[in-house]
């Protein structure tokens, strides 16, 4: 499987985001500490396996929100 798009809503540090992966073969995630690089990797893990670095699903919902959405 090669993902072509990720859609996030209230997932970890992201309020609302869409990441277009179409045509990307190799990528590097670069940014400041706390910018959300690990959150993007958790998005993939959550979408494929239903789990990530946190033990509880509620830990992935953005602070102050009640639910999150991830589409791959």
PDB file of N, CA and C in Angstrom:
ATOM      1  N   UNK A   1       0.840  -1.179   0.000  1.00  0.00           N
ATOM      2  CA  UNK A   1       0.000   0.000   0.000  1.00  0.00           C
ATOM      3  C   UNK A   1       0.885   1.243   0.000  1.00  0.00           C
ATOM      4  N   UNK A   2       0.553   2.186  -0.849  1.00  0.00           N
ATOM      5  CA  UNK A   2       1.240   3.473  -0.851  1.00  0.00           C
ATOM      6  C   UNK A   2       0.203   4.560  -0.604  1.00  0.00           C
ATOM      7  N   UNK A   3       0.259   5.190   0.568  1.00  0.00           N
ATOM      8  CA  UNK A   3      -0.724   6.237   0.880  1.00  0.00           C
ATOM      9  C   UNK A   3      -0.590   7.416  -0.077  1.00  0.00           C
ATOM     10  N   UNK A   4      -1.729   7.999  -0.428  1.00  0.00           N
ATOM     11  CA  UNK A   4      -1.705   9.174  -1.318  1.00  0.00           C
ATOM     12  C   UNK A   4      -2.215  10.434  -0.632  1.00  0.00           C
ATOM     13  N   UNK A   5      -2.960  10.266   0.471  1.00  0.00           N
ATOM     14  CA  UNK A   5      -3.472  11.448   1.175  1.00  0.00           C
ATOM     15  C   UNK A   5      -3.788  11.088   2.621  1.00  0.00           C
ATOM     16  N   UNK A   6      -3.448  12.000   3.521  1.00  0.00           N
ATOM     17  CA  UNK A   6      -3.823  11.864   4.927  1.00  0.00           C
ATOM     18  C   UNK A   6      -4.668  13.069   5.294  1.00  0.00           C
ATOM     19  N   UNK A   7      -5.783  12.819   5.949  1.00  0.00           N
ATOM     20  CA  UNK A   7      -6.638  13.886   6.448  1.00  0.00           C
ATOM     21  C   UNK A   7      -6.720  13.734   7.959  1.00  0.00           C
ATOM     22  N   UNK A   8      -6.450  14.835   8.673  1.00  0.00           N
ATOM     23  CA  UNK A   8      -6.461  14.824  10.133  1.00  0.00           C
ATOM     24  C   UNK A   8      -7.389  15.906  10.643  1.00  0.00           C
ATOM     25  N   UNK A   9      -8.090  15.586  11.700  1.00  0.00           N
ATOM     26  CA  UNK A   9      -8.933  16.577  12.356  1.00  0.00           C
ATOM     27  C   UNK A   9      -8.876  16.324  13.855  1.00  0.00           C
ATOM     28  N   UNK A  10      -8.358  17.299  14.595  1.00  0.00           N
ATOM     29  CA  UNK A  10      -8.220  17.227  16.053  1.00  0.00           C
ATOM     30  C   UNK A  10      -7.389  16.030  16.488  1.00  0.00           C
ATOM     31  N   UNK A  11      -6.397  15.682  15.704  1.00  0.00           N
ATOM     32  CA  UNK A  11      -5.517  14.556  16.025  1.00  0.00           C
ATOM     33  C   UNK A  11      -4.185  15.095  16.521  1.00  0.00           C
ATOM     34  N   UNK A  12      -3.876  14.812  17.792  1.00  0.00           N
ATOM     35  CA  UNK A  12      -2.669  15.297  18.456  1.00  0.00           C
ATOM     36  C   UNK A  12      -2.518  16.803  18.270  1.00  0.00           C
ATOM     37  N   UNK A  13      -1.439  17.274  17.650  1.00  0.00           N
ATOM     38  CA  UNK A  13      -1.210  18.723  17.553  1.00  0.00           C
ATOM     39  C   UNK A  13      -1.924  19.377  16.371  1.00  0.00           C
ATOM     40  N   UNK A  14      -2.639  18.613  15.573  1.00  0.00           N
ATOM     41  CA  UNK A  14      -3.271  19.157  14.370  1.00  0.00           C
ATOM     42  C   UNK A  14      -4.757  19.436  14.590  1.00  0.00           C
ATOM     43  N   UNK A  15      -5.172  20.651  14.260  1.00  0.00           N
ATOM     44  CA  UNK A  15      -6.591  20.992  14.298  1.00  0.00           C
ATOM     45  C   UNK A  15      -7.277  20.407  13.080  1.00  0.00           C
ATOM     46  N   UNK A  16      -6.840  20.854  11.915  1.00  0.00           N
ATOM     47  CA  UNK A  16      -7.373  20.350  10.651  1.00  0.00           C
ATOM     48  C   UNK A  16      -6.240  20.420   9.637  1.00  0.00           C
ATOM     49  N   UNK A  17      -5.950  19.304   8.981  1.00  0.00           N
ATOM     50  CA  UNK A  17      -4.857  19.281   8.012  1.00  0.00           C
ATOM     51  C   UNK A  17      -5.095  18.196   6.978  1.00  0.00           C
ATOM     52  N   UNK A  18      -4.593  18.445   5.791  1.00  0.00           N
ATOM     53  CA  UNK A  18      -4.603  17.436   4.733  1.00  0.00           C
ATOM     54  C   UNK A  18      -3.208  17.399   4.134  1.00  0.00           C
ATOM     55  N   UNK A  19      -2.646  16.195   4.038  1.00  0.00           N
ATOM     56  CA  UNK A  19      -1.293  16.020   3.530  1.00  0.00           C
ATOM     57  C   UNK A  19      -1.385  15.213   2.245  1.00  0.00           C
ATOM     58  N   UNK A  20      -0.922  15.796   1.145  1.00  0.00           N
ATOM     59  CA  UNK A  20      -0.924  15.124  -0.159  1.00  0.00           C
ATOM     60  C   UNK A  20       0.386  14.368  -0.325  1.00  0.00           C
ATOM     61  N   UNK A  21       0.308  13.062  -0.414  1.00  0.00           N
ATOM     62  CA  UNK A  21       1.489  12.210  -0.539  1.00  0.00           C
ATOM     63  C   UNK A  21       1.631  11.627  -1.946  1.00  0.00           C
ATOM     64  N   UNK A  22       0.770  12.003  -2.848  1.00  0.00           N
ATOM     65  CA  UNK A  22       0.764  11.443  -4.195  1.00  0.00           C
ATOM     66  C   UNK A  22       2.096  11.701  -4.889  1.00  0.00           C
ATOM     67  N   UNK A  23       2.728  10.643  -5.348  1.00  0.00           N
ATOM     68  CA  UNK A  23       3.973  10.753  -6.089  1.00  0.00           C
ATOM     69  C   UNK A  23       5.219  10.855  -5.227  1.00  0.00           C
ATOM     70  N   UNK A  24       5.086  10.884  -3.917  1.00  0.00           N
ATOM     71  CA  UNK A  24       6.253  10.979  -3.034  1.00  0.00           C
ATOM     72  C   UNK A  24       6.801   9.580  -2.795  1.00  0.00           C
ATOM     73  N   UNK A  25       8.057   9.384  -3.117  1.00  0.00           N
ATOM     74  CA  UNK A  25       8.702   8.085  -2.918  1.00  0.00           C
ATOM     75  C   UNK A  25       9.553   8.070  -1.650  1.00  0.00           C
ATOM     76  N   UNK A  26      10.261   9.181  -1.394  1.00  0.00           N
ATOM     77  CA  UNK A  26      11.114   9.315  -0.219  1.00  0.00           C
ATOM     78  C   UNK A  26      10.890  10.703   0.345  1.00  0.00           C
ATOM     79  N   UNK A  27      10.786  10.813   1.670  1.00  0.00           N
ATOM     80  CA  UNK A  27      10.546  12.121   2.286  1.00  0.00           C
ATOM     81  C   UNK A  27      11.315  12.229   3.589  1.00  0.00           C
ATOM     82  N   UNK A  28      11.567  13.457   3.991  1.00  0.00           N
ATOM     83  CA  UNK A  28      12.180  13.752   5.284  1.00  0.00           C
ATOM     84  C   UNK A  28      11.246  14.705   6.025  1.00  0.00           C
ATOM     85  N   UNK A  29      10.997  14.421   7.286  1.00  0.00           N
ATOM     86  CA  UNK A  29      10.194  15.312   8.120  1.00  0.00           C
ATOM     87  C   UNK A  29      11.152  16.213   8.889  1.00  0.00           C
ATOM     88  N   UNK A  30      11.120  17.490   8.580  1.00  0.00           N
ATOM     89  CA  UNK A  30      12.036  18.452   9.180  1.00  0.00           C
ATOM     90  C   UNK A  30      11.228  19.587   9.781  1.00  0.00           C
ATOM     91  N   UNK A  31      11.575  19.983  10.995  1.00  0.00           N
ATOM     92  CA  UNK A  31      10.890  21.098  11.622  1.00  0.00           C
ATOM     93  C   UNK A  31      11.331  21.278  13.057  1.00  0.00           C
ATOM     94  N   UNK A  32      10.842  22.339  13.664  1.00  0.00           N
ATOM     95  CA  UNK A  32      11.170  22.642  15.049  1.00  0.00           C
ATOM     96  C   UNK A  32      10.579  21.591  15.991  1.00  0.00           C
ATOM     97  N   UNK A  33      11.129  21.535  17.191  1.00  0.00           N
ATOM     98  CA  UNK A  33      10.567  20.668  18.228  1.00  0.00           C
ATOM     99  C   UNK A  33       9.127  21.083  18.491  1.00  0.00           C
ATOM    100  N   UNK A  34       8.251  20.101  18.574  1.00  0.00           N
ATOM    101  CA  UNK A  34       6.847  20.370  18.848  1.00  0.00           C
ATOM    102  C   UNK A  34       6.042  20.808  17.648  1.00  0.00           C
ATOM    103  N   UNK A  35       6.620  20.720  16.447  1.00  0.00           N
ATOM    104  CA  UNK A  35       5.926  21.165  15.237  1.00  0.00           C
ATOM    105  C   UNK A  35       4.930  20.140  14.707  1.00  0.00           C
ATOM    106  N   UNK A  36       5.017  18.878  15.164  1.00  0.00           N
ATOM    107  CA  UNK A  36       4.057  17.867  14.731  1.00  0.00           C
ATOM    108  C   UNK A  36       4.624  16.783  13.836  1.00  0.00           C
ATOM    109  N   UNK A  37       5.941  16.652  13.779  1.00  0.00           N
ATOM    110  CA  UNK A  37       6.555  15.622  12.931  1.00  0.00           C
ATOM    111  C   UNK A  37       6.163  14.217  13.396  1.00  0.00           C
ATOM    112  N   UNK A  38       6.294  13.953  14.666  1.00  0.00           N
ATOM    113  CA  UNK A  38       5.933  12.640  15.213  1.00  0.00           C
ATOM    114  C   UNK A  38       4.435  12.389  15.101  1.00  0.00           C
ATOM    115  N   UNK A  39       3.655  13.447  15.177  1.00  0.00           N
ATOM    116  CA  UNK A  39       2.200  13.308  15.044  1.00  0.00           C
ATOM    117  C   UNK A  39       1.826  12.787  13.665  1.00  0.00           C
ATOM    118  N   UNK A  40       2.560  13.195  12.631  1.00  0.00           N
ATOM    119  CA  UNK A  40       2.293  12.676  11.283  1.00  0.00           C
ATOM    120  C   UNK A  40       2.584  11.183  11.211  1.00  0.00           C
ATOM    121  N   UNK A  41       3.643  10.748  11.862  1.00  0.00           N
ATOM    122  CA  UNK A  41       3.939   9.316  11.881  1.00  0.00           C
ATOM    123  C   UNK A  41       2.889   8.554  12.676  1.00  0.00           C
ATOM    124  N   UNK A  42       2.433   9.135  13.779  1.00  0.00           N
ATOM    125  CA  UNK A  42       1.359   8.511  14.552  1.00  0.00           C
ATOM    126  C   UNK A  42       0.071   8.422  13.743  1.00  0.00           C
ATOM    127  N   UNK A  43      -0.143   9.375  12.856  1.00  0.00           N
ATOM    128  CA  UNK A  43      -1.317   9.335  11.977  1.00  0.00           C
ATOM    129  C   UNK A  43      -1.302   8.069  11.130  1.00  0.00           C
ATOM    130  N   UNK A  44      -0.150   7.760  10.548  1.00  0.00           N
ATOM    131  CA  UNK A  44      -0.029   6.544   9.739  1.00  0.00           C
ATOM    132  C   UNK A  44      -0.265   5.296  10.587  1.00  0.00           C
ATOM    133  N   UNK A  45       0.367   5.245  11.756  1.00  0.00           N
ATOM    134  CA  UNK A  45       0.196   4.084  12.635  1.00  0.00           C
ATOM    135  C   UNK A  45      -1.256   3.914  13.070  1.00  0.00           C
ATOM    136  N   UNK A  46      -1.907   5.025  13.400  1.00  0.00           N
ATOM    137  CA  UNK A  46      -3.295   4.963  13.853  1.00  0.00           C
ATOM    138  C   UNK A  46      -4.209   4.499  12.714  1.00  0.00           C
ATOM    139  N   UNK A  47      -3.996   5.046  11.516  1.00  0.00           N
ATOM    140  CA  UNK A  47      -4.854   4.705  10.380  1.00  0.00           C
ATOM    141  C   UNK A  47      -4.698   3.231   9.977  1.00  0.00           C
ATOM    142  N   UNK A  48      -3.494   2.711  10.041  1.00  0.00           N
ATOM    143  CA  UNK A  48      -3.238   1.344   9.588  1.00  0.00           C
ATOM    144  C   UNK A  48      -3.493   0.314  10.692  1.00  0.00           C
ATOM    145  N   UNK A  49      -2.995   0.597  11.913  1.00  0.00           N
ATOM    146  CA  UNK A  49      -3.028  -0.398  12.986  1.00  0.00           C
ATOM    147  C   UNK A  49      -3.999  -0.080  14.121  1.00  0.00           C
ATOM    148  N   UNK A  50      -4.535   1.134  14.157  1.00  0.00           N
ATOM    149  CA  UNK A  50      -5.431   1.517  15.234  1.00  0.00           C
ATOM    150  C   UNK A  50      -4.732   1.756  16.559  1.00  0.00           C
ATOM    151  N   UNK A  51      -3.433   2.008  16.495  1.00  0.00           N
ATOM    152  CA  UNK A  51      -2.663   2.297  17.706  1.00  0.00           C
ATOM    153  C   UNK A  51      -1.457   3.149  17.356  1.00  0.00           C
ATOM    154  N   UNK A  52      -0.879   3.731  18.374  1.00  0.00           N
ATOM    155  CA  UNK A  52       0.300   4.571  18.185  1.00  0.00           C
ATOM    156  C   UNK A  52       1.108   4.583  19.459  1.00  0.00           C
ATOM    157  N   UNK A  53       1.790   5.700  19.719  1.00  0.00           N
ATOM    158  CA  UNK A  53       2.685   5.762  20.872  1.00  0.00           C
ATOM    159  C   UNK A  53       1.951   5.836  22.212  1.00  0.00           C
ATOM    160  N   UNK A  54       0.715   6.272  22.216  1.00  0.00           N
ATOM    161  CA  UNK A  54      -0.050   6.383  23.460  1.00  0.00           C
ATOM    162  C   UNK A  54      -0.893   5.124  23.666  1.00  0.00           C
ATOM    163  N   UNK A  55      -1.070   4.697  24.918  1.00  0.00           N
ATOM    164  CA  UNK A  55      -1.817   3.461  25.174  1.00  0.00           C
ATOM    165  C   UNK A  55      -3.333   3.589  25.001  1.00  0.00           C
ATOM    166  N   UNK A  56      -3.869   4.771  25.155  1.00  0.00           N
ATOM    167  CA  UNK A  56      -5.316   4.986  25.079  1.00  0.00           C
ATOM    168  C   UNK A  56      -5.677   5.841  23.864  1.00  0.00           C
ATOM    169  N   UNK A  57      -6.778   5.517  23.207  1.00  0.00           N
ATOM    170  CA  UNK A  57      -7.230   6.278  22.037  1.00  0.00           C
ATOM    171  C   UNK A  57      -7.513   7.733  22.388  1.00  0.00           C
ATOM    172  N   UNK A  58      -8.012   7.977  23.591  1.00  0.00           N
ATOM    173  CA  UNK A  58      -8.318   9.350  24.008  1.00  0.00           C
ATOM    174  C   UNK A  58      -7.080  10.241  24.040  1.00  0.00           C
ATOM    175  N   UNK A  59      -5.905   9.649  24.173  1.00  0.00           N
ATOM    176  CA  UNK A  59      -4.673  10.428  24.210  1.00  0.00           C
ATOM    177  C   UNK A  59      -4.317  11.048  22.856  1.00  0.00           C
ATOM    178  N   UNK A  60      -4.976  10.616  21.794  1.00  0.00           N
ATOM    179  CA  UNK A  60      -4.698  11.153  20.467  1.00  0.00           C
ATOM    180  C   UNK A  60      -5.611  12.317  20.102  1.00  0.00           C
ATOM    181  N   UNK A  61      -6.649  12.534  20.888  1.00  0.00           N
ATOM    182  CA  UNK A  61      -7.584  13.629  20.618  1.00  0.00           C
ATOM    183  C   UNK A  61      -6.955  14.933  21.094  1.00  0.00           C
ATOM    184  N   UNK A  62      -6.987  15.928  20.223  1.00  0.00           N
ATOM    185  CA  UNK A  62      -6.402  17.235  20.533  1.00  0.00           C
ATOM    186  C   UNK A  62      -7.024  17.805  21.807  1.00  0.00           C
ATOM    187  N   UNK A  63      -6.176  18.410  22.627  1.00  0.00           N
ATOM    188  CA  UNK A  63      -6.626  18.962  23.907  1.00  0.00           C
ATOM    189  C   UNK A  63      -7.757  19.968  23.685  1.00  0.00           C
ATOM    190  N   UNK A  64      -8.827  19.817  24.451  1.00  0.00           N
ATOM    191  CA  UNK A  64      -9.980  20.700  24.351  1.00  0.00           C
ATOM    192  C   UNK A  64     -11.042  20.227  23.391  1.00  0.00           C
ATOM    193  N   UNK A  65     -10.781  19.146  22.667  1.00  0.00           N
ATOM    194  CA  UNK A  65     -11.746  18.592  21.714  1.00  0.00           C
ATOM    195  C   UNK A  65     -12.279  17.266  22.235  1.00  0.00           C
ATOM    196  N   UNK A  66     -13.370  16.798  21.658  1.00  0.00           N
ATOM    197  CA  UNK A  66     -14.005  15.571  22.133  1.00  0.00           C
ATOM    198  C   UNK A  66     -13.732  14.365  21.234  1.00  0.00           C
ATOM    199  N   UNK A  67     -13.407  14.613  19.965  1.00  0.00           N
ATOM    200  CA  UNK A  67     -13.145  13.495  19.058  1.00  0.00           C
ATOM    201  C   UNK A  67     -12.129  13.895  18.003  1.00  0.00           C
ATOM    202  N   UNK A  68     -11.539  12.890  17.393  1.00  0.00           N
ATOM    203  CA  UNK A  68     -10.542  13.106  16.344  1.00  0.00           C
ATOM    204  C   UNK A  68     -10.902  12.261  15.126  1.00  0.00           C
ATOM    205  N   UNK A  69     -10.383  12.665  13.989  1.00  0.00           N
ATOM    206  CA  UNK A  69     -10.601  11.938  12.739  1.00  0.00           C
ATOM    207  C   UNK A  69      -9.280  11.786  12.006  1.00  0.00           C
ATOM    208  N   UNK A  70      -9.039  10.577  11.519  1.00  0.00           N
ATOM    209  CA  UNK A  70      -7.872  10.304  10.688  1.00  0.00           C
ATOM    210  C   UNK A  70      -8.342   9.498   9.490  1.00  0.00           C
ATOM    211  N   UNK A  71      -8.016   9.964   8.312  1.00  0.00           N
ATOM    212  CA  UNK A  71      -8.320   9.200   7.087  1.00  0.00           C
ATOM    213  C   UNK A  71      -7.035   9.048   6.301  1.00  0.00           C
ATOM    214  N   UNK A  72      -6.841   7.866   5.763  1.00  0.00           N
ATOM    215  CA  UNK A  72      -5.647   7.580   4.964  1.00  0.00           C
ATOM    216  C   UNK A  72      -6.085   7.045   3.630  1.00  0.00           C
TER     217      UNK A  72
END
